[in-house]
Amino acid sequence: MAVFWYNENIMSLSIYHQKYASLSDKEIAQRTKEKAAELKTIFENVKITTANEPMRIAVLGCGDKRYVSAHKKLFEEFYKKSVELTTFDITVEHLAGEENIIQHDCTLPLPNPPYHITYDHTILKFIETKKQWNILKNSYNALKPGGVAIHIIDKSDYETTVPLGQWKKKLRENNIKFQEIPVKYGLALILIR
């Protein structure tokens, strides 16, 4: 396992997080721009009910610490209001130094609900199939009435590691309203509270 210098501390990173840490700021900015385009498409098709309160958003999984502030900025720009963003990840070493980071296995119920939005970008492919339903269910259960759970799934993932048809059937069986919105590399599965 490679060792990286981060904030003058030595820290061991997983191969996945090493990949992100090696990306330039320009590459992260480009990927953030793509996330913004996905969210714009989603928010043009899905309305979220909010009062005059800060938006509470839970991000499930985060590949690189530079995305934490980028996520907050994206949601603030879309909603033109203050955002209380909490990022949950099963490991947090790669997010050291960022605010509101909580080490948490998102196959378990999310701490400190309710949230207006729960959001993940391709997390399901990293979860063993039998536990993917837990992510979907927990993201939905943590929502305020009128909130949405946003799950971005790449086409290559729902053709291989994410049994999308199975999860849509289970959502229907549990009377969870959902919407599918095409995005650049696949789709956004939106669960609506």
Protein backbone atom coordinates (compact mmCIF):
# COMPACT_ATOMS: atom_id res chain seq x y z
CA MET A 1 0.00 0.00 0.00
CA ALA A 2 1.37 3.39 -0.97
CA VAL A 3 1.95 6.12 1.56
CA PHE A 4 0.99 9.74 0.79
CA TRP A 5 1.87 12.98 2.52
CA TYR A 6 -1.26 14.85 3.53
CA ASN A 7 -1.20 17.96 5.70
CA GLU A 8 2.31 17.03 6.84
CA ASN A 9 1.07 13.69 8.23
CA ILE A 10 1.78 10.25 6.85
CA MET A 11 -1.41 8.42 6.04
CA SER A 12 -2.09 5.12 4.41
CA LEU A 13 -4.77 5.19 1.70
CA SER A 14 -6.68 2.42 -0.04
CA ILE A 15 -5.96 1.86 -3.73
CA TYR A 16 -9.27 3.53 -4.62
CA HIS A 17 -8.46 6.62 -2.54
CA GLN A 18 -4.87 6.66 -3.84
CA LYS A 19 -6.33 6.99 -7.34
CA TYR A 20 -8.33 10.06 -6.31
CA ALA A 21 -5.48 11.60 -4.33
CA SER A 22 -3.31 11.40 -7.46
CA LEU A 23 -5.82 13.37 -9.56
CA SER A 24 -4.96 16.98 -10.22
CA ASP A 25 -7.16 19.80 -8.97
CA LYS A 26 -8.09 20.39 -12.62
CA GLU A 27 -9.33 16.77 -12.96
CA ILE A 28 -11.34 17.06 -9.73
CA ALA A 29 -12.82 20.34 -11.00
CA GLN A 30 -13.86 18.64 -14.26
CA ARG A 31 -15.50 15.77 -12.37
CA THR A 32 -17.26 18.30 -10.12
CA LYS A 33 -18.55 20.04 -13.26
CA GLU A 34 -19.98 16.71 -14.44
CA LYS A 35 -21.66 16.20 -11.04
CA ALA A 36 -23.14 19.70 -11.34
CA ALA A 37 -24.59 18.83 -14.75
CA GLU A 38 -26.13 15.65 -13.31
CA LEU A 39 -27.65 17.54 -10.38
CA LYS A 40 -29.01 20.24 -12.69
CA THR A 41 -30.79 17.56 -14.73
CA ILE A 42 -32.13 15.96 -11.55
CA PHE A 43 -33.36 19.22 -10.02
CA GLU A 44 -35.09 20.19 -13.26
CA ASN A 45 -37.16 17.01 -12.91
CA VAL A 46 -37.60 16.61 -9.15
CA LYS A 47 -38.87 19.19 -6.69
CA ILE A 48 -37.77 19.11 -3.08
CA THR A 49 -39.99 20.57 -0.40
CA THR A 50 -38.12 22.81 2.04
CA ALA A 51 -39.09 25.40 4.58
CA ASN A 52 -37.06 28.54 5.30
CA GLU A 53 -34.41 26.50 7.02
CA PRO A 54 -30.92 25.43 5.99
CA MET A 55 -30.85 22.41 3.70
CA ARG A 56 -29.67 19.29 5.54
CA ILE A 57 -27.78 17.03 3.17
CA ALA A 58 -26.13 13.67 3.83
CA VAL A 59 -23.48 12.54 1.35
CA LEU A 60 -22.95 8.78 1.41
CA GLY A 61 -19.37 8.02 0.52
CA CYS A 62 -16.77 10.40 -0.86
CA GLY A 63 -13.72 9.49 -2.93
CA ASP A 64 -11.62 12.58 -2.25
CA LYS A 65 -11.52 15.36 0.34
CA ARG A 66 -11.73 18.02 -2.39
CA TYR A 67 -15.28 16.87 -3.14
CA VAL A 68 -16.53 17.76 0.37
CA SER A 69 -16.48 21.53 -0.15
CA ALA A 70 -17.46 21.05 -3.81
CA HIS A 71 -20.61 19.15 -2.80
CA LYS A 72 -21.56 21.88 -0.32
CA LYS A 73 -21.01 24.59 -2.92
CA LEU A 74 -23.03 22.72 -5.58
CA PHE A 75 -26.06 22.29 -3.34
CA GLU A 76 -25.87 25.90 -2.09
CA GLU A 77 -25.75 27.18 -5.66
CA PHE A 78 -28.74 25.06 -6.72
CA TYR A 79 -30.89 25.96 -3.73
CA LYS A 80 -29.68 29.51 -3.08
CA LYS A 81 -29.63 28.85 0.65
CA SER A 82 -27.35 27.69 3.42
CA VAL A 83 -26.49 23.99 3.43
CA GLU A 84 -25.61 21.82 6.41
CA LEU A 85 -23.69 19.04 4.69
CA THR A 86 -22.52 15.88 6.46
CA THR A 87 -20.36 13.34 4.69
CA PHE A 88 -20.47 9.72 5.79
CA ASP A 89 -17.86 7.17 4.74
CA ILE A 90 -16.78 3.78 6.04
CA THR A 91 -13.20 5.10 6.21
CA VAL A 92 -12.35 8.75 6.73
CA GLU A 93 -8.55 9.02 6.59
CA HIS A 94 -8.77 10.29 3.02
CA LEU A 95 -11.12 13.08 4.16
CA ALA A 96 -8.93 14.33 7.03
CA GLY A 97 -9.16 18.05 7.64
CA GLU A 98 -12.63 18.53 6.15
CA GLU A 99 -15.70 19.55 8.18
CA ASN A 100 -18.66 17.38 9.20
CA ILE A 101 -17.09 14.04 8.31
CA ILE A 102 -18.49 11.01 10.14
CA GLN A 103 -17.06 7.52 9.92
CA HIS A 104 -20.10 5.35 9.30
CA ASP A 105 -21.12 2.22 7.42
CA CYS A 106 -24.05 3.42 5.32
CA THR A 107 -25.54 -0.08 5.22
CA LEU A 108 -26.62 0.85 8.77
CA PRO A 109 -29.21 3.58 9.58
CA LEU A 110 -27.83 7.09 9.10
CA PRO A 111 -27.10 9.12 12.24
CA ASN A 112 -28.75 12.46 13.00
CA PRO A 113 -31.71 12.39 10.60
CA PRO A 114 -33.81 13.82 9.09
CA TYR A 115 -32.23 15.20 5.91
CA HIS A 116 -33.73 17.04 2.94
CA ILE A 117 -31.42 15.15 0.58
CA THR A 118 -29.32 12.03 0.82
CA TYR A 119 -26.87 11.74 -2.06
CA ASP A 120 -24.39 9.24 -3.36
CA HIS A 121 -22.42 9.01 -6.53
CA THR A 122 -21.83 5.37 -7.55
CA ILE A 123 -21.58 4.00 -4.01
CA LEU A 124 -23.69 0.91 -4.73
CA LYS A 125 -21.01 -0.77 -6.85
CA PHE A 126 -18.74 -0.85 -3.80
CA ILE A 127 -21.33 -2.63 -1.64
CA GLU A 128 -21.88 -6.38 -1.80
CA THR A 129 -25.13 -7.04 -3.60
CA LYS A 130 -27.05 -8.39 -0.61
CA LYS A 131 -26.36 -5.14 1.32
CA GLN A 132 -27.18 -2.67 -1.47
CA TRP A 133 -30.84 -2.64 -0.45
CA ASN A 134 -29.75 -1.41 3.01
CA ILE A 135 -28.16 1.67 1.40
CA LEU A 136 -31.36 2.42 -0.55
CA LYS A 137 -33.60 1.86 2.47
CA ASN A 138 -31.41 3.86 4.87
CA SER A 139 -31.10 6.77 2.44
CA TYR A 140 -34.90 6.90 2.19
CA ASN A 141 -35.63 6.38 5.90
CA ALA A 142 -33.35 9.31 6.84
CA LEU A 143 -35.37 11.80 4.76
CA LYS A 144 -37.73 14.55 5.89
CA PRO A 145 -41.18 14.43 4.28
CA GLY A 146 -40.74 15.94 0.81
CA GLY A 147 -37.07 14.97 0.70
CA VAL A 148 -35.26 12.87 -1.89
CA ALA A 149 -32.54 10.23 -1.93
CA ILE A 150 -30.34 10.61 -5.01
CA HIS A 151 -28.38 7.57 -6.18
CA ILE A 152 -26.20 8.04 -9.26
CA ILE A 153 -25.53 4.69 -10.94
CA ASP A 154 -23.23 4.30 -13.92
CA LYS A 155 -24.56 2.18 -16.78
CA SER A 156 -21.66 -0.24 -16.48
CA ASP A 157 -22.64 -0.82 -12.82
CA TYR A 158 -26.31 -1.59 -13.36
CA GLU A 159 -25.32 -3.89 -16.19
CA THR A 160 -22.96 -5.82 -13.88
CA THR A 161 -22.81 -5.28 -10.09
CA VAL A 162 -26.02 -3.40 -9.23
CA PRO A 163 -29.22 -5.42 -9.89
CA LEU A 164 -31.32 -2.34 -10.68
CA GLY A 165 -34.42 -4.32 -11.70
CA GLN A 166 -34.37 -6.17 -8.39
CA TRP A 167 -34.12 -2.93 -6.40
CA LYS A 168 -36.91 -1.23 -8.38
CA LYS A 169 -39.16 -4.22 -7.70
CA LYS A 170 -38.35 -4.02 -3.98
CA LEU A 171 -39.03 -0.26 -3.95
CA ARG A 172 -42.48 -0.91 -5.44
CA GLU A 173 -43.15 -3.70 -2.92
CA ASN A 174 -42.30 -1.25 -0.11
CA ASN A 175 -44.45 1.53 -1.60
CA ILE A 176 -41.46 3.82 -2.05
CA LYS A 177 -42.01 6.28 -4.87
CA PHE A 178 -39.07 6.61 -7.19
CA GLN A 179 -38.07 8.19 -10.45
CA GLU A 180 -35.32 7.34 -12.94
CA ILE A 181 -33.56 10.23 -14.63
CA PRO A 182 -30.98 9.64 -17.38
CA VAL A 183 -27.61 11.27 -16.73
CA LYS A 184 -24.43 11.31 -18.82
CA TYR A 185 -22.96 7.95 -17.74
CA GLY A 186 -26.09 6.13 -16.57
CA LEU A 187 -29.01 7.18 -14.45
CA ALA A 188 -30.09 8.80 -11.24
CA LEU A 189 -32.42 6.68 -9.15
CA ILE A 190 -34.40 9.16 -7.06
CA LEU A 191 -36.38 7.94 -4.04
CA ILE A 192 -39.11 10.39 -3.04
CA ARG A 193 -40.34 10.66 0.55
